Amino acid sequence: MSEAKVDVAVLDDDLDFRNYIEDLLRDEGLYTVRAFDHPAKLYEACEDRKPGVVLLDMKMGPESGDKVLEQLQSRWPGLCIIVVTGYPSLEDMRATFKMKVFDYLAKPFSLAQLRAVLKNAVETFGLGKSPQEQMRERLGHRIKMLRVERDWSLKDLAGLTNLSVSQISSIERGAHLPSMESLLAISRALEVKPSDLFSAIGF
């Protein structure tokens, strides 16, 4: 994992659980933690700063976890959400995964289980990386996907942009950001605006 800490938001109406998770994750030294007892507070915090991961309690008295999940997915598409519940069942798990959450934790869970799920989330979503690293990797991946959709080889794209195969390969791997000139050449070849490329990757 990168040295940058991953921002984890916790929504749970159980004060003891919130305190437990806050202490546990802070002791790990890899995360910053923001804990909330009401969905409105979580939404406000997400507006201020989108978290890397949300640990979402599905059973919160009058508050429906399903509705909170729908709101989060609607307002922040692609957000990494891990569902937490004290009332696990096979039916719950099936229903939860149909809602496209990242993973599921049943209370009580062990520190090892929490570590494993968060580590998987961090690696899958590229969390804990600087904005520059995230931009390089996402832009490179997006360019590669657009090239592959057109059934072009690296050599094909190189020929259309007057860039070398090694330059394009380096950009697609996320090793380097393209220069302005290279980005414009790639955008022209792919027939997309540079602004659309950045919008598609969340920048």
N, C-alpha and C. Protein backbone atom coordinates (compact mmCIF):
# COMPACT_ATOMS: atom_id res chain seq x y z
N MET A 1 0.83 -1.19 0.00
CA MET A 1 0.00 0.00 0.00
C MET A 1 0.87 1.25 0.00
N SER A 2 0.32 2.30 -0.55
CA SER A 2 1.04 3.56 -0.58
C SER A 2 1.07 4.16 0.80
N GLU A 3 1.96 5.13 0.99
CA GLU A 3 2.06 5.80 2.28
C GLU A 3 0.86 6.71 2.54
N ALA A 4 0.18 7.17 1.51
CA ALA A 4 -0.99 8.02 1.69
C ALA A 4 -2.08 7.21 2.37
N LYS A 5 -2.73 7.81 3.37
CA LYS A 5 -3.75 7.07 4.11
C LYS A 5 -5.07 7.04 3.34
N VAL A 6 -5.78 5.94 3.51
CA VAL A 6 -7.07 5.76 2.86
C VAL A 6 -8.16 6.30 3.77
N ASP A 7 -9.04 7.12 3.19
CA ASP A 7 -10.13 7.74 3.95
C ASP A 7 -11.31 6.77 4.03
N VAL A 8 -11.63 6.33 5.25
CA VAL A 8 -12.75 5.40 5.46
C VAL A 8 -13.86 6.12 6.21
N ALA A 9 -15.08 6.07 5.66
CA ALA A 9 -16.26 6.62 6.33
C ALA A 9 -17.08 5.47 6.87
N VAL A 10 -17.52 5.60 8.11
CA VAL A 10 -18.30 4.55 8.77
C VAL A 10 -19.67 5.10 9.13
N LEU A 11 -20.73 4.41 8.69
CA LEU A 11 -22.09 4.79 9.07
C LEU A 11 -22.70 3.66 9.89
N ASP A 12 -22.94 3.94 11.19
CA ASP A 12 -23.51 2.94 12.08
C ASP A 12 -24.15 3.66 13.25
N ASP A 13 -25.33 3.21 13.68
CA ASP A 13 -26.00 3.89 14.79
C ASP A 13 -25.54 3.39 16.16
N ASP A 14 -24.63 2.42 16.17
CA ASP A 14 -24.10 1.86 17.41
C ASP A 14 -22.81 2.59 17.79
N LEU A 15 -22.88 3.41 18.84
CA LEU A 15 -21.72 4.20 19.27
C LEU A 15 -20.52 3.33 19.61
N ASP A 16 -20.76 2.23 20.31
CA ASP A 16 -19.65 1.34 20.68
C ASP A 16 -18.95 0.79 19.44
N PHE A 17 -19.74 0.43 18.43
CA PHE A 17 -19.13 -0.10 17.21
C PHE A 17 -18.33 0.98 16.49
N ARG A 18 -18.89 2.20 16.44
CA ARG A 18 -18.16 3.30 15.77
C ARG A 18 -16.83 3.55 16.47
N ASN A 19 -16.86 3.59 17.78
CA ASN A 19 -15.62 3.82 18.53
C ASN A 19 -14.63 2.68 18.31
N TYR A 20 -15.14 1.46 18.27
CA TYR A 20 -14.29 0.28 18.06
C TYR A 20 -13.59 0.36 16.70
N ILE A 21 -14.36 0.65 15.66
CA ILE A 21 -13.80 0.73 14.31
C ILE A 21 -12.80 1.88 14.20
N GLU A 22 -13.15 3.04 14.77
CA GLU A 22 -12.24 4.19 14.72
C GLU A 22 -10.91 3.85 15.36
N ASP A 23 -10.94 3.27 16.56
CA ASP A 23 -9.70 2.92 17.27
C ASP A 23 -8.91 1.87 16.50
N LEU A 24 -9.62 0.89 16.00
CA LEU A 24 -8.97 -0.22 15.31
C LEU A 24 -8.24 0.25 14.06
N LEU A 25 -8.92 1.03 13.23
CA LEU A 25 -8.33 1.45 11.97
C LEU A 25 -7.23 2.49 12.18
N ARG A 26 -7.42 3.38 13.14
CA ARG A 26 -6.36 4.37 13.41
C ARG A 26 -5.10 3.68 13.91
N ASP A 27 -5.27 2.63 14.72
CA ASP A 27 -4.11 1.89 15.21
C ASP A 27 -3.35 1.21 14.08
N GLU A 28 -4.07 0.88 13.00
CA GLU A 28 -3.42 0.25 11.85
C GLU A 28 -2.44 1.21 11.18
N GLY A 29 -2.70 2.50 11.29
CA GLY A 29 -1.81 3.51 10.71
C GLY A 29 -1.93 3.69 9.21
N LEU A 30 -2.92 3.04 8.60
CA LEU A 30 -3.08 3.11 7.15
C LEU A 30 -4.30 3.92 6.73
N TYR A 31 -5.12 4.28 7.72
CA TYR A 31 -6.41 4.88 7.40
C TYR A 31 -6.69 6.13 8.23
N THR A 32 -7.46 7.03 7.61
CA THR A 32 -8.13 8.08 8.38
C THR A 32 -9.59 7.65 8.47
N VAL A 33 -10.24 7.94 9.59
CA VAL A 33 -11.58 7.44 9.81
C VAL A 33 -12.53 8.58 10.17
N ARG A 34 -13.69 8.58 9.51
CA ARG A 34 -14.76 9.50 9.87
C ARG A 34 -16.00 8.65 10.15
N ALA A 35 -16.55 8.75 11.36
CA ALA A 35 -17.68 7.91 11.75
C ALA A 35 -18.94 8.75 11.93
N PHE A 36 -20.07 8.22 11.47
CA PHE A 36 -21.33 8.96 11.49
C PHE A 36 -22.46 8.07 12.02
N ASP A 37 -23.42 8.71 12.70
CA ASP A 37 -24.55 7.96 13.25
C ASP A 37 -25.83 8.18 12.47
N HIS A 38 -25.78 9.02 11.42
CA HIS A 38 -26.98 9.30 10.63
C HIS A 38 -26.60 9.51 9.17
N PRO A 39 -27.42 8.99 8.24
CA PRO A 39 -27.10 9.12 6.81
C PRO A 39 -26.87 10.55 6.36
N ALA A 40 -27.66 11.50 6.86
CA ALA A 40 -27.52 12.90 6.43
C ALA A 40 -26.12 13.42 6.71
N LYS A 41 -25.55 13.01 7.84
CA LYS A 41 -24.19 13.45 8.19
C LYS A 41 -23.16 12.83 7.24
N LEU A 42 -23.41 11.59 6.85
CA LEU A 42 -22.51 10.93 5.89
C LEU A 42 -22.57 11.62 4.54
N TYR A 43 -23.79 11.93 4.06
CA TYR A 43 -23.93 12.60 2.77
C TYR A 43 -23.20 13.94 2.77
N GLU A 44 -23.37 14.67 3.85
CA GLU A 44 -22.71 15.99 3.95
C GLU A 44 -21.20 15.84 3.90
N ALA A 45 -20.69 14.83 4.60
CA ALA A 45 -19.24 14.60 4.61
C ALA A 45 -18.74 14.18 3.24
N CYS A 46 -19.53 13.38 2.52
CA CYS A 46 -19.14 12.95 1.17
C CYS A 46 -19.12 14.13 0.21
N GLU A 47 -20.05 15.06 0.39
CA GLU A 47 -20.05 16.27 -0.44
C GLU A 47 -18.78 17.07 -0.22
N ASP A 48 -18.36 17.12 1.03
CA ASP A 48 -17.16 17.87 1.39
C ASP A 48 -15.90 17.16 0.90
N ARG A 49 -15.84 15.85 1.10
CA ARG A 49 -14.69 15.07 0.64
C ARG A 49 -15.13 13.62 0.46
N LYS A 50 -15.08 13.15 -0.77
CA LYS A 50 -15.50 11.78 -1.07
C LYS A 50 -14.55 10.79 -0.41
N PRO A 51 -15.06 9.87 0.39
CA PRO A 51 -14.18 8.88 1.03
C PRO A 51 -13.71 7.82 0.05
N GLY A 52 -12.66 7.11 0.43
CA GLY A 52 -12.19 6.01 -0.39
C GLY A 52 -13.08 4.80 -0.23
N VAL A 53 -13.52 4.56 1.02
CA VAL A 53 -14.34 3.40 1.36
C VAL A 53 -15.44 3.83 2.32
N VAL A 54 -16.63 3.26 2.14
CA VAL A 54 -17.72 3.45 3.10
C VAL A 54 -18.05 2.10 3.72
N LEU A 55 -17.99 2.04 5.06
CA LEU A 55 -18.49 0.87 5.78
C LEU A 55 -19.91 1.19 6.19
N LEU A 56 -20.87 0.51 5.58
CA LEU A 56 -22.28 0.87 5.73
C LEU A 56 -23.05 -0.19 6.50
N ASP A 57 -23.58 0.22 7.67
CA ASP A 57 -24.44 -0.66 8.46
C ASP A 57 -25.81 -0.71 7.80
N MET A 58 -26.32 -1.92 7.56
CA MET A 58 -27.60 -2.06 6.87
C MET A 58 -28.79 -2.08 7.82
N LYS A 59 -28.54 -2.21 9.12
CA LYS A 59 -29.63 -2.29 10.09
C LYS A 59 -29.48 -1.15 11.09
N MET A 60 -30.19 -0.04 10.84
CA MET A 60 -30.06 1.13 11.70
C MET A 60 -31.42 1.67 12.13
N GLY A 61 -32.15 0.86 12.89
CA GLY A 61 -33.43 1.32 13.39
C GLY A 61 -34.34 1.74 12.24
N PRO A 62 -34.85 2.99 12.29
CA PRO A 62 -35.77 3.44 11.24
C PRO A 62 -35.10 3.74 9.91
N GLU A 63 -33.78 3.86 9.91
CA GLU A 63 -33.07 4.19 8.68
C GLU A 63 -32.82 2.93 7.86
N SER A 64 -33.27 2.94 6.63
CA SER A 64 -33.12 1.78 5.76
C SER A 64 -31.76 1.79 5.08
N GLY A 65 -30.98 0.74 5.33
CA GLY A 65 -29.68 0.63 4.69
C GLY A 65 -29.78 0.57 3.19
N ASP A 66 -30.85 -0.08 2.69
CA ASP A 66 -31.06 -0.17 1.24
C ASP A 66 -31.19 1.22 0.62
N LYS A 67 -31.94 2.09 1.28
CA LYS A 67 -32.16 3.44 0.75
C LYS A 67 -30.88 4.26 0.80
N VAL A 68 -30.12 4.10 1.88
CA VAL A 68 -28.83 4.79 1.99
C VAL A 68 -27.90 4.32 0.88
N LEU A 69 -27.88 3.03 0.65
CA LEU A 69 -27.03 2.46 -0.40
C LEU A 69 -27.42 3.02 -1.77
N GLU A 70 -28.71 3.10 -2.04
CA GLU A 70 -29.17 3.66 -3.31
C GLU A 70 -28.74 5.10 -3.47
N GLN A 71 -28.84 5.88 -2.39
CA GLN A 71 -28.43 7.29 -2.43
C GLN A 71 -26.94 7.42 -2.72
N LEU A 72 -26.14 6.63 -2.01
CA LEU A 72 -24.68 6.69 -2.20
C LEU A 72 -24.30 6.32 -3.63
N GLN A 73 -24.91 5.26 -4.14
CA GLN A 73 -24.55 4.81 -5.49
C GLN A 73 -25.04 5.78 -6.55
N SER A 74 -26.16 6.44 -6.29
CA SER A 74 -26.70 7.41 -7.24
C SER A 74 -25.88 8.69 -7.26
N ARG A 75 -25.49 9.17 -6.07
CA ARG A 75 -24.80 10.46 -5.98
C ARG A 75 -23.30 10.34 -6.19
N TRP A 76 -22.73 9.19 -5.86
CA TRP A 76 -21.28 8.99 -6.03
C TRP A 76 -21.02 7.66 -6.72
N PRO A 77 -21.29 7.58 -8.02
CA PRO A 77 -21.10 6.32 -8.75
C PRO A 77 -19.66 5.82 -8.62
N GLY A 78 -19.53 4.51 -8.45
CA GLY A 78 -18.20 3.93 -8.36
C GLY A 78 -17.61 3.96 -6.96
N LEU A 79 -18.35 4.51 -6.00
CA LEU A 79 -17.86 4.55 -4.62
C LEU A 79 -17.72 3.12 -4.08
N CYS A 80 -16.63 2.87 -3.38
CA CYS A 80 -16.39 1.55 -2.78
C CYS A 80 -17.20 1.43 -1.50
N ILE A 81 -18.22 0.56 -1.52
CA ILE A 81 -19.09 0.39 -0.36
C ILE A 81 -18.98 -1.04 0.15
N ILE A 82 -18.70 -1.17 1.44
CA ILE A 82 -18.65 -2.47 2.10
C ILE A 82 -19.79 -2.51 3.10
N VAL A 83 -20.69 -3.44 2.92
CA VAL A 83 -21.86 -3.56 3.78
C VAL A 83 -21.51 -4.31 5.06
N VAL A 84 -21.97 -3.77 6.18
CA VAL A 84 -21.75 -4.39 7.48
C VAL A 84 -23.13 -4.63 8.12
N THR A 85 -23.35 -5.83 8.64
CA THR A 85 -24.63 -6.09 9.30
C THR A 85 -24.48 -7.10 10.42
N GLY A 86 -25.30 -6.94 11.42
CA GLY A 86 -25.31 -7.87 12.54
C GLY A 86 -26.33 -8.97 12.36
N TYR A 87 -27.04 -8.94 11.22
CA TYR A 87 -28.08 -9.94 10.97
C TYR A 87 -27.84 -10.64 9.64
N PRO A 88 -26.73 -11.36 9.55
CA PRO A 88 -26.37 -11.96 8.26
C PRO A 88 -27.23 -13.17 7.92
N SER A 89 -27.49 -13.31 6.65
CA SER A 89 -28.14 -14.52 6.14
C SER A 89 -27.74 -14.67 4.69
N LEU A 90 -27.91 -15.85 4.16
CA LEU A 90 -27.57 -16.09 2.76
C LEU A 90 -28.40 -15.20 1.86
N GLU A 91 -29.68 -15.02 2.20
CA GLU A 91 -30.55 -14.16 1.40
C GLU A 91 -30.07 -12.72 1.42
N ASP A 92 -29.65 -12.25 2.62
CA ASP A 92 -29.12 -10.89 2.74
C ASP A 92 -27.92 -10.69 1.83
N MET A 93 -27.02 -11.68 1.86
CA MET A 93 -25.79 -11.57 1.08
C MET A 93 -26.11 -11.52 -0.41
N ARG A 94 -27.01 -12.40 -0.85
CA ARG A 94 -27.37 -12.41 -2.27
C ARG A 94 -27.98 -11.08 -2.69
N ALA A 95 -28.90 -10.57 -1.86
CA ALA A 95 -29.56 -9.30 -2.18
C ALA A 95 -28.56 -8.16 -2.20
N THR A 96 -27.63 -8.19 -1.25
CA THR A 96 -26.63 -7.13 -1.14
C THR A 96 -25.73 -7.08 -2.38
N PHE A 97 -25.26 -8.24 -2.81
CA PHE A 97 -24.36 -8.25 -3.96
C PHE A 97 -25.06 -7.89 -5.26
N LYS A 98 -26.37 -8.10 -5.31
CA LYS A 98 -27.13 -7.64 -6.48
C LYS A 98 -27.13 -6.12 -6.57
N MET A 99 -26.91 -5.45 -5.43
CA MET A 99 -26.88 -3.99 -5.41
C MET A 99 -25.48 -3.44 -5.69
N LYS A 100 -24.60 -4.31 -6.13
CA LYS A 100 -23.27 -3.93 -6.59
C LYS A 100 -22.41 -3.27 -5.52
N VAL A 101 -22.46 -3.81 -4.31
CA VAL A 101 -21.52 -3.35 -3.29
C VAL A 101 -20.21 -4.11 -3.50
N PHE A 102 -19.15 -3.61 -2.88
CA PHE A 102 -17.85 -4.25 -3.10
C PHE A 102 -17.73 -5.55 -2.30
N ASP A 103 -18.18 -5.52 -1.04
CA ASP A 103 -18.04 -6.71 -0.21
C ASP A 103 -19.02 -6.64 0.96
N TYR A 104 -18.99 -7.67 1.80
CA TYR A 104 -19.98 -7.87 2.85
C TYR A 104 -19.24 -8.35 4.10
N LEU A 105 -19.48 -7.71 5.24
CA LEU A 105 -18.91 -8.15 6.52
C LEU A 105 -20.05 -8.40 7.50
N ALA A 106 -20.06 -9.57 8.10
CA ALA A 106 -21.09 -9.90 9.08
C ALA A 106 -20.52 -9.71 10.49
N LYS A 107 -21.24 -8.96 11.32
CA LYS A 107 -20.83 -8.81 12.72
C LYS A 107 -21.15 -10.09 13.48
N PRO A 108 -20.30 -10.50 14.42
CA PRO A 108 -18.99 -9.90 14.72
C PRO A 108 -17.94 -10.44 13.75
N PHE A 109 -17.09 -9.55 13.26
CA PHE A 109 -16.03 -9.99 12.36
C PHE A 109 -14.69 -9.78 13.05
N SER A 110 -13.70 -10.52 12.59
CA SER A 110 -12.37 -10.43 13.20
C SER A 110 -11.56 -9.31 12.57
N LEU A 111 -10.51 -8.90 13.24
CA LEU A 111 -9.60 -7.91 12.69
C LEU A 111 -9.00 -8.42 11.39
N ALA A 112 -8.70 -9.71 11.34
CA ALA A 112 -8.12 -10.30 10.12
C ALA A 112 -9.09 -10.19 8.95
N GLN A 113 -10.39 -10.41 9.21
CA GLN A 113 -11.39 -10.30 8.15
C GLN A 113 -11.49 -8.86 7.65
N LEU A 114 -11.52 -7.91 8.58
CA LEU A 114 -11.60 -6.50 8.20
C LEU A 114 -10.37 -6.08 7.41
N ARG A 115 -9.21 -6.48 7.88
CA ARG A 115 -7.97 -6.16 7.17
C ARG A 115 -7.99 -6.70 5.74
N ALA A 116 -8.44 -7.95 5.59
CA ALA A 116 -8.44 -8.59 4.28
C ALA A 116 -9.38 -7.86 3.32
N VAL A 117 -10.59 -7.51 3.80
CA VAL A 117 -11.56 -6.84 2.94
C VAL A 117 -11.06 -5.45 2.55
N LEU A 118 -10.51 -4.71 3.51
CA LEU A 118 -10.01 -3.37 3.20
C LEU A 118 -8.80 -3.42 2.27
N LYS A 119 -7.91 -4.39 2.50
CA LYS A 119 -6.73 -4.53 1.63
C LYS A 119 -7.16 -4.80 0.20
N ASN A 120 -8.17 -5.67 0.05
CA ASN A 120 -8.69 -5.98 -1.28
C ASN A 120 -9.30 -4.74 -1.93
N ALA A 121 -10.03 -3.95 -1.13
CA ALA A 121 -10.65 -2.72 -1.64
C ALA A 121 -9.58 -1.73 -2.09
N VAL A 122 -8.56 -1.56 -1.27
CA VAL A 122 -7.48 -0.63 -1.58
C VAL A 122 -6.81 -1.01 -2.90
N GLU A 123 -6.52 -2.30 -3.06
CA GLU A 123 -5.84 -2.76 -4.28
C GLU A 123 -6.76 -2.65 -5.50
N THR A 124 -8.03 -3.01 -5.33
CA THR A 124 -8.97 -3.00 -6.45
C THR A 124 -9.25 -1.58 -6.94
N PHE A 125 -9.41 -0.65 -6.00
CA PHE A 125 -9.78 0.72 -6.36
C PHE A 125 -8.58 1.66 -6.47
N GLY A 126 -7.37 1.15 -6.21
CA GLY A 126 -6.18 2.00 -6.30
C GLY A 126 -6.20 3.11 -5.27
N LEU A 127 -6.70 2.80 -4.07
CA LEU A 127 -6.83 3.82 -3.03
C LEU A 127 -5.49 4.03 -2.32
N GLY A 128 -5.41 5.14 -1.61
CA GLY A 128 -4.19 5.43 -0.87
C GLY A 128 -3.06 5.92 -1.74
N LYS A 129 -3.38 6.25 -2.99
CA LYS A 129 -2.37 6.76 -3.91
C LYS A 129 -2.59 8.25 -4.10
N SER A 130 -1.55 8.94 -4.47
CA SER A 130 -1.65 10.39 -4.69
C SER A 130 -2.55 10.63 -5.90
N PRO A 131 -3.15 11.84 -6.00
CA PRO A 131 -3.96 12.16 -7.17
C PRO A 131 -3.18 11.99 -8.48
N GLN A 132 -1.88 12.30 -8.45
CA GLN A 132 -1.06 12.16 -9.66
C GLN A 132 -0.96 10.70 -10.08
N GLU A 133 -0.74 9.80 -9.08
CA GLU A 133 -0.65 8.37 -9.38
C GLU A 133 -1.98 7.85 -9.92
N GLN A 134 -3.08 8.26 -9.26
CA GLN A 134 -4.39 7.82 -9.71
C GLN A 134 -4.68 8.30 -11.13
N MET A 135 -4.32 9.56 -11.42
CA MET A 135 -4.56 10.11 -12.75
C MET A 135 -3.78 9.34 -13.80
N ARG A 136 -2.50 9.08 -13.52
CA ARG A 136 -1.66 8.34 -14.47
C ARG A 136 -2.26 6.97 -14.77
N GLU A 137 -2.63 6.24 -13.70
CA GLU A 137 -3.12 4.88 -13.89
C GLU A 137 -4.48 4.85 -14.59
N ARG A 138 -5.39 5.74 -14.16
CA ARG A 138 -6.74 5.73 -14.76
C ARG A 138 -6.71 6.21 -16.20
N LEU A 139 -5.91 7.25 -16.47
CA LEU A 139 -5.83 7.76 -17.84
C LEU A 139 -5.22 6.72 -18.76
N GLY A 140 -4.15 6.08 -18.29
CA GLY A 140 -3.52 5.03 -19.09
C GLY A 140 -4.47 3.89 -19.37
N HIS A 141 -5.21 3.49 -18.35
CA HIS A 141 -6.16 2.39 -18.51
C HIS A 141 -7.27 2.78 -19.50
N ARG A 142 -7.74 4.02 -19.40
CA ARG A 142 -8.81 4.48 -20.29
C ARG A 142 -8.34 4.50 -21.74
N ILE A 143 -7.14 5.00 -21.96
CA ILE A 143 -6.60 5.04 -23.32
C ILE A 143 -6.45 3.62 -23.88
N LYS A 144 -5.97 2.72 -23.03
CA LYS A 144 -5.81 1.33 -23.47
C LYS A 144 -7.16 0.72 -23.84
N MET A 145 -8.19 0.96 -23.00
CA MET A 145 -9.53 0.41 -23.27
C MET A 145 -10.09 0.94 -24.59
N LEU A 146 -9.90 2.24 -24.85
CA LEU A 146 -10.38 2.82 -26.10
C LEU A 146 -9.64 2.25 -27.30
N ARG A 147 -8.35 2.02 -27.12
CA ARG A 147 -7.55 1.43 -28.21
C ARG A 147 -8.02 0.00 -28.49
N VAL A 148 -8.21 -0.78 -27.42
CA VAL A 148 -8.62 -2.18 -27.57
C VAL A 148 -10.02 -2.27 -28.18
N GLU A 149 -10.91 -1.34 -27.78
CA GLU A 149 -12.27 -1.33 -28.36
C GLU A 149 -12.23 -1.19 -29.88
N ARG A 150 -11.22 -0.48 -30.37
CA ARG A 150 -11.08 -0.27 -31.82
C ARG A 150 -10.28 -1.38 -32.48
N ASP A 151 -9.86 -2.34 -31.66
CA ASP A 151 -9.08 -3.48 -32.15
C ASP A 151 -7.76 -3.03 -32.76
N TRP A 152 -7.16 -1.98 -32.14
CA TRP A 152 -5.87 -1.47 -32.59
C TRP A 152 -4.76 -2.06 -31.74
N SER A 153 -3.64 -2.31 -32.35
CA SER A 153 -2.43 -2.68 -31.61
C SER A 153 -1.73 -1.41 -31.16
N LEU A 154 -0.74 -1.56 -30.29
CA LEU A 154 0.08 -0.42 -29.90
C LEU A 154 0.71 0.22 -31.14
N LYS A 155 1.13 -0.63 -32.06
CA LYS A 155 1.77 -0.14 -33.27
C LYS A 155 0.79 0.68 -34.11
N ASP A 156 -0.48 0.26 -34.16
CA ASP A 156 -1.50 1.01 -34.90
C ASP A 156 -1.65 2.42 -34.33
N LEU A 157 -1.78 2.50 -33.00
CA LEU A 157 -1.95 3.81 -32.36
C LEU A 157 -0.69 4.66 -32.52
N ALA A 158 0.46 4.02 -32.46
CA ALA A 158 1.72 4.75 -32.65
C ALA A 158 1.76 5.38 -34.04
N GLY A 159 1.32 4.61 -35.04
CA GLY A 159 1.33 5.13 -36.40
C GLY A 159 0.40 6.30 -36.60
N LEU A 160 -0.71 6.32 -35.87
CA LEU A 160 -1.69 7.40 -36.01
C LEU A 160 -1.31 8.66 -35.23
N THR A 161 -0.39 8.51 -34.28
CA THR A 161 -0.05 9.64 -33.40
C THR A 161 1.37 10.15 -33.58
N ASN A 162 2.17 9.43 -34.36
CA ASN A 162 3.60 9.74 -34.49
C ASN A 162 4.35 9.64 -33.16
N LEU A 163 3.81 8.82 -32.25
CA LEU A 163 4.51 8.52 -31.00
C LEU A 163 5.11 7.12 -31.14
N SER A 164 6.09 6.82 -30.30
CA SER A 164 6.69 5.49 -30.37
C SER A 164 5.83 4.49 -29.61
N VAL A 165 5.98 3.22 -29.95
CA VAL A 165 5.26 2.16 -29.25
C VAL A 165 5.60 2.18 -27.76
N SER A 166 6.87 2.41 -27.44
CA SER A 166 7.28 2.42 -26.04
C SER A 166 6.65 3.59 -25.27
N GLN A 167 6.50 4.75 -25.96
CA GLN A 167 5.84 5.89 -25.31
C GLN A 167 4.40 5.56 -24.95
N ILE A 168 3.69 5.00 -25.91
CA ILE A 168 2.28 4.69 -25.68
C ILE A 168 2.13 3.59 -24.63
N SER A 169 3.00 2.59 -24.69
CA SER A 169 2.97 1.52 -23.70
C SER A 169 3.19 2.07 -22.29
N SER A 170 4.13 3.00 -22.16
CA SER A 170 4.43 3.61 -20.87
C SER A 170 3.23 4.39 -20.34
N ILE A 171 2.53 5.10 -21.24
CA ILE A 171 1.34 5.87 -20.86
C ILE A 171 0.23 4.92 -20.42
N GLU A 172 0.01 3.86 -21.19
CA GLU A 172 -1.07 2.91 -20.87
C GLU A 172 -0.81 2.17 -19.56
N ARG A 173 0.44 1.92 -19.23
CA ARG A 173 0.77 1.24 -17.97
C ARG A 173 0.64 2.17 -16.77
N GLY A 174 0.48 3.46 -17.04
CA GLY A 174 0.40 4.43 -15.95
C GLY A 174 1.76 4.83 -15.41
N ALA A 175 2.81 4.50 -16.15
CA ALA A 175 4.15 4.86 -15.70
C ALA A 175 4.42 6.34 -15.89
N HIS A 176 3.83 6.93 -16.95
CA HIS A 176 4.04 8.35 -17.23
C HIS A 176 2.75 8.99 -17.70
N LEU A 177 2.58 10.27 -17.35
CA LEU A 177 1.49 11.05 -17.92
C LEU A 177 1.94 11.53 -19.30
N PRO A 178 1.04 11.53 -20.27
CA PRO A 178 1.44 12.05 -21.59
C PRO A 178 1.65 13.56 -21.53
N SER A 179 2.55 14.05 -22.37
CA SER A 179 2.70 15.50 -22.51
C SER A 179 1.44 16.04 -23.16
N MET A 180 1.28 17.35 -23.13
CA MET A 180 0.10 17.96 -23.76
C MET A 180 0.02 17.59 -25.24
N GLU A 181 1.18 17.64 -25.91
CA GLU A 181 1.21 17.31 -27.34
C GLU A 181 0.82 15.85 -27.59
N SER A 182 1.35 14.96 -26.74
CA SER A 182 1.04 13.54 -26.89
C SER A 182 -0.43 13.27 -26.61
N LEU A 183 -0.97 13.93 -25.58
CA LEU A 183 -2.37 13.74 -25.23
C LEU A 183 -3.29 14.19 -26.37
N LEU A 184 -2.95 15.33 -26.96
CA LEU A 184 -3.75 15.83 -28.08
C LEU A 184 -3.68 14.88 -29.28
N ALA A 185 -2.50 14.34 -29.54
CA ALA A 185 -2.34 13.40 -30.66
C ALA A 185 -3.14 12.12 -30.41
N ILE A 186 -3.10 11.61 -29.19
CA ILE A 186 -3.84 10.39 -28.85
C ILE A 186 -5.35 10.65 -28.92
N SER A 187 -5.77 11.81 -28.41
CA SER A 187 -7.20 12.17 -28.44
C SER A 187 -7.72 12.27 -29.87
N ARG A 188 -6.92 12.89 -30.73
CA ARG A 188 -7.33 13.02 -32.14
C ARG A 188 -7.47 11.65 -32.79
N ALA A 189 -6.50 10.78 -32.51
CA ALA A 189 -6.53 9.45 -33.10
C ALA A 189 -7.75 8.65 -32.61
N LEU A 190 -8.09 8.81 -31.33
CA LEU A 190 -9.20 8.08 -30.76
C LEU A 190 -10.55 8.78 -30.98
N GLU A 191 -10.46 10.00 -31.52
CA GLU A 191 -11.65 10.81 -31.79
C GLU A 191 -12.46 11.09 -30.52
N VAL A 192 -11.73 11.46 -29.48
CA VAL A 192 -12.37 11.89 -28.23
C VAL A 192 -11.71 13.18 -27.77
N LYS A 193 -12.44 14.00 -27.04
CA LYS A 193 -11.87 15.23 -26.50
C LYS A 193 -11.03 14.89 -25.27
N PRO A 194 -9.92 15.60 -25.06
CA PRO A 194 -9.15 15.38 -23.84
C PRO A 194 -10.01 15.54 -22.58
N SER A 195 -10.92 16.53 -22.62
CA SER A 195 -11.78 16.75 -21.46
C SER A 195 -12.68 15.55 -21.20
N ASP A 196 -13.10 14.84 -22.25
CA ASP A 196 -13.91 13.65 -22.07
C ASP A 196 -13.10 12.51 -21.47
N LEU A 197 -11.84 12.44 -21.85
CA LEU A 197 -10.96 11.42 -21.25
C LEU A 197 -10.85 11.62 -19.75
N PHE A 198 -10.61 12.86 -19.33
CA PHE A 198 -10.45 13.15 -17.90
C PHE A 198 -11.78 13.00 -17.15
N SER A 199 -12.87 13.38 -17.80
CA SER A 199 -14.18 13.23 -17.16
C SER A 199 -14.50 11.76 -16.92
N ALA A 200 -14.13 10.91 -17.88
CA ALA A 200 -14.42 9.49 -17.77
C ALA A 200 -13.66 8.82 -16.64
N ILE A 201 -12.54 9.41 -16.22
CA ILE A 201 -11.75 8.82 -15.15
C ILE A 201 -11.91 9.54 -13.82
N GLY A 202 -12.87 10.47 -13.78
CA GLY A 202 -13.18 11.15 -12.53
C GLY A 202 -12.28 12.31 -12.18
N PHE A 203 -11.67 12.93 -13.21
CA PHE A 203 -10.82 14.10 -12.96
C PHE A 203 -11.34 15.30 -13.74
